[in-house]
């Protein structure tokens, strides 16, 4: 199986039980009806990135669904938590891309998302055998990375939340969801 499409989603859930907070985060992300299988990191060549709305419309209840997921949970009152998925795809769509997952505590949305994108770009460069420093390769004006003359686009989906003040479990997720259709 080589996925033809991928979409990105995120969600947050709160409940007195950790598992239920995870279920509610999946519902918030629109992927609760899937049998999720965690996989690692490669965006196949020519895999089309589609919107969350288009992606969730293609899912059938009970479907075995492959995803790269970042997840974080806590019941520590007022703690900031976050989960992010970063993706790096070469401009040449015949080449594969890379997905990273990152989760942390105490960091704002932009920092977590930027870190996930840097991780994805760095891992893609390593697998392609390229020297890469994300701080030097970033083109601020064009909002893209350059790796040995190759243009690489990055994006991320990030979910942050402040944990419930009364100690309910809070779970955040971010996911890249693969589809065959």
Protein backbone atom coordinates (compact mmCIF):
# COMPACT_ATOMS: atom_id res chain seq x y z
CA UNK A 1 0.00 0.00 0.00
CA UNK A 2 1.35 3.39 -1.02
CA UNK A 3 -0.91 6.27 0.04
CA UNK A 4 -2.14 8.59 -2.69
CA UNK A 5 -3.38 11.35 -0.36
CA UNK A 6 -2.57 12.82 3.05
CA UNK A 7 -4.34 15.36 5.22
CA UNK A 8 -3.42 17.06 8.45
CA UNK A 9 -5.66 17.45 11.46
CA UNK A 10 -5.56 18.35 15.13
CA UNK A 11 -7.74 18.17 18.21
CA UNK A 12 -8.09 18.63 21.94
CA UNK A 13 -10.15 16.70 24.51
CA UNK A 14 -10.82 17.02 28.24
CA UNK A 15 -12.27 14.37 30.55
CA UNK A 16 -11.79 12.87 34.02
CA UNK A 17 -10.24 9.75 32.40
CA UNK A 18 -7.12 10.02 30.25
CA UNK A 19 -8.35 7.53 27.63
CA UNK A 20 -11.63 9.40 27.24
CA UNK A 21 -9.77 12.70 26.81
CA UNK A 22 -7.82 11.05 23.97
CA UNK A 23 -11.07 9.84 22.38
CA UNK A 24 -12.48 13.37 22.60
CA UNK A 25 -9.31 14.76 20.97
CA UNK A 26 -9.76 12.25 18.13
CA UNK A 27 -13.40 13.38 17.77
CA UNK A 28 -12.32 17.01 17.70
CA UNK A 29 -9.82 16.08 14.96
CA UNK A 30 -12.49 14.21 12.97
CA UNK A 31 -10.71 10.84 13.00
CA UNK A 32 -12.45 9.03 15.87
CA UNK A 33 -14.19 6.53 13.61
CA UNK A 34 -10.87 5.14 12.29
CA UNK A 35 -8.83 2.18 13.46
CA UNK A 36 -5.59 4.13 13.61
CA UNK A 37 -2.22 2.54 12.91
CA UNK A 38 0.79 4.67 13.74
CA UNK A 39 3.49 4.72 11.09
CA UNK A 40 6.66 6.69 10.63
CA UNK A 41 7.59 9.55 8.61
CA UNK A 42 7.61 9.28 4.80
CA UNK A 43 5.32 11.20 2.45
CA UNK A 44 5.31 9.03 -0.69
CA UNK A 45 6.24 10.52 -4.06
CA UNK A 46 3.24 12.17 -5.77
CA UNK A 47 1.14 11.92 -2.59
CA UNK A 48 -1.38 14.75 -2.77
CA UNK A 49 -1.90 16.94 0.28
CA UNK A 50 -5.63 17.54 0.69
CA UNK A 51 -7.70 19.54 3.17
CA UNK A 52 -8.98 18.10 6.42
CA UNK A 53 -12.54 18.47 5.16
CA UNK A 54 -11.86 16.46 2.01
CA UNK A 55 -9.88 13.86 3.96
CA UNK A 56 -12.42 13.22 6.71
CA UNK A 57 -15.17 12.92 4.08
CA UNK A 58 -13.26 9.98 2.53
CA UNK A 59 -12.99 8.00 5.77
CA UNK A 60 -15.34 5.08 6.34
CA UNK A 61 -16.25 3.97 9.89
CA UNK A 62 -13.95 1.17 11.05
CA UNK A 63 -11.43 1.77 8.29
CA UNK A 64 -7.81 0.81 9.03
CA UNK A 65 -6.15 4.20 8.73
CA UNK A 66 -2.43 4.88 8.77
CA UNK A 67 -1.20 8.07 10.39
CA UNK A 68 1.76 9.82 11.93
CA UNK A 69 0.52 11.18 15.26
CA UNK A 70 1.89 13.47 17.92
CA UNK A 71 0.08 13.25 21.25
CA UNK A 72 0.44 14.78 24.68
CA UNK A 73 -1.69 14.46 27.83
CA UNK A 74 -1.68 15.86 31.35
CA UNK A 75 -3.94 16.31 34.33
CA UNK A 76 -1.67 18.96 35.86
CA UNK A 77 -3.89 22.03 36.30
CA UNK A 78 -3.21 24.94 33.93
CA UNK A 79 -0.18 23.31 32.27
CA UNK A 80 0.35 24.33 28.62
CA UNK A 81 0.80 21.32 26.37
CA UNK A 82 1.19 20.93 22.64
CA UNK A 83 1.49 18.45 19.81
CA UNK A 84 2.63 19.16 16.27
CA UNK A 85 3.22 17.42 12.96
CA UNK A 86 5.75 18.98 10.60
CA UNK A 87 6.16 18.04 6.95
CA UNK A 88 8.90 18.78 4.44
CA UNK A 89 8.20 18.10 0.77
CA UNK A 90 10.54 18.74 -2.16
CA UNK A 91 9.22 20.93 -4.95
CA UNK A 92 9.83 17.93 -7.23
CA UNK A 93 6.78 15.85 -6.23
CA UNK A 94 8.37 12.70 -7.72
CA UNK A 95 10.63 12.66 -4.68
CA UNK A 96 9.43 11.61 -1.25
CA UNK A 97 8.98 13.95 1.70
CA UNK A 98 9.35 13.60 5.45
CA UNK A 99 7.01 13.99 8.42
CA UNK A 100 8.07 14.66 11.99
CA UNK A 101 6.12 14.64 15.21
CA UNK A 102 6.91 16.87 18.18
CA UNK A 103 5.17 17.37 21.50
CA UNK A 104 6.15 19.51 24.46
CA UNK A 105 5.03 21.40 27.53
CA UNK A 106 5.17 25.14 28.14
CA UNK A 107 5.81 26.21 24.54
CA UNK A 108 3.49 28.33 22.40
CA UNK A 109 1.93 27.15 19.14
CA UNK A 110 4.41 28.87 16.78
CA UNK A 111 7.51 27.55 18.56
CA UNK A 112 6.21 23.96 18.53
CA UNK A 113 5.16 24.21 14.86
CA UNK A 114 8.45 25.75 13.75
CA UNK A 115 10.37 23.05 15.63
CA UNK A 116 8.34 20.30 13.93
CA UNK A 117 9.02 21.85 10.51
CA UNK A 118 12.76 22.15 11.26
CA UNK A 119 12.83 18.49 12.34
CA UNK A 120 11.08 17.35 9.15
CA UNK A 121 13.40 19.41 6.94
CA UNK A 122 16.49 18.18 8.77
CA UNK A 123 15.42 14.52 8.60
CA UNK A 124 14.62 14.85 4.88
CA UNK A 125 18.05 16.37 4.24
CA UNK A 126 19.73 13.54 6.16
CA UNK A 127 17.88 10.83 4.22
CA UNK A 128 18.83 12.55 0.96
CA UNK A 129 22.48 12.77 2.07
CA UNK A 130 22.50 16.59 2.05
CA UNK A 131 24.27 18.96 4.42
CA UNK A 132 21.61 21.09 6.04
CA UNK A 133 21.37 23.73 8.74
CA UNK A 134 17.76 24.92 9.16
CA UNK A 135 18.88 28.33 10.42
CA UNK A 136 21.01 28.99 7.33
CA UNK A 137 18.77 27.32 4.73
CA UNK A 138 15.54 29.22 5.53
CA UNK A 139 14.53 31.84 2.95
CA UNK A 140 12.40 34.27 4.99
CA UNK A 141 11.07 36.13 1.96
CA UNK A 142 9.96 32.99 0.10
CA UNK A 143 9.04 31.09 3.29
CA UNK A 144 10.85 27.93 2.14
CA UNK A 145 14.06 25.98 2.73
CA UNK A 146 16.83 25.46 0.19
CA UNK A 147 18.83 22.22 0.35
CA UNK A 148 21.75 21.95 -2.04
CA UNK A 149 19.81 23.88 -4.67
CA UNK A 150 16.58 21.95 -4.08
CA UNK A 151 13.58 23.89 -2.84
CA UNK A 152 11.74 22.28 0.06
CA UNK A 153 8.37 23.44 1.33
CA UNK A 154 7.40 22.90 4.93
CA UNK A 155 4.19 23.19 6.88
CA UNK A 156 2.88 22.09 10.23
CA UNK A 157 -0.33 21.48 12.10
CA UNK A 158 -0.15 22.23 15.81
CA UNK A 159 -2.59 21.90 18.69
CA UNK A 160 -1.88 23.58 22.01
CA UNK A 161 -4.12 23.81 25.06
CA UNK A 162 -3.97 24.91 28.64
CA UNK A 163 -4.85 21.95 30.83
CA UNK A 164 -8.10 22.06 32.73
CA UNK A 165 -7.85 24.17 35.89
CA UNK A 166 -9.69 21.52 37.94
CA UNK A 167 -7.37 18.66 37.01
CA UNK A 168 -9.36 16.96 34.24
CA UNK A 169 -7.14 15.09 31.79
CA UNK A 170 -6.37 17.21 28.75
CA UNK A 171 -5.07 15.57 25.59
CA UNK A 172 -3.86 17.29 22.42
CA UNK A 173 -3.14 15.54 19.14
CA UNK A 174 -1.85 16.46 15.71
CA UNK A 175 -1.84 13.93 12.88
CA UNK A 176 -0.93 13.33 9.25
CA UNK A 177 -3.55 10.89 7.99
CA UNK A 178 -2.83 8.76 4.90
CA UNK A 179 -5.50 7.64 2.42
CA UNK A 180 -5.34 5.21 -0.51
CA UNK A 181 -8.12 6.89 -2.50
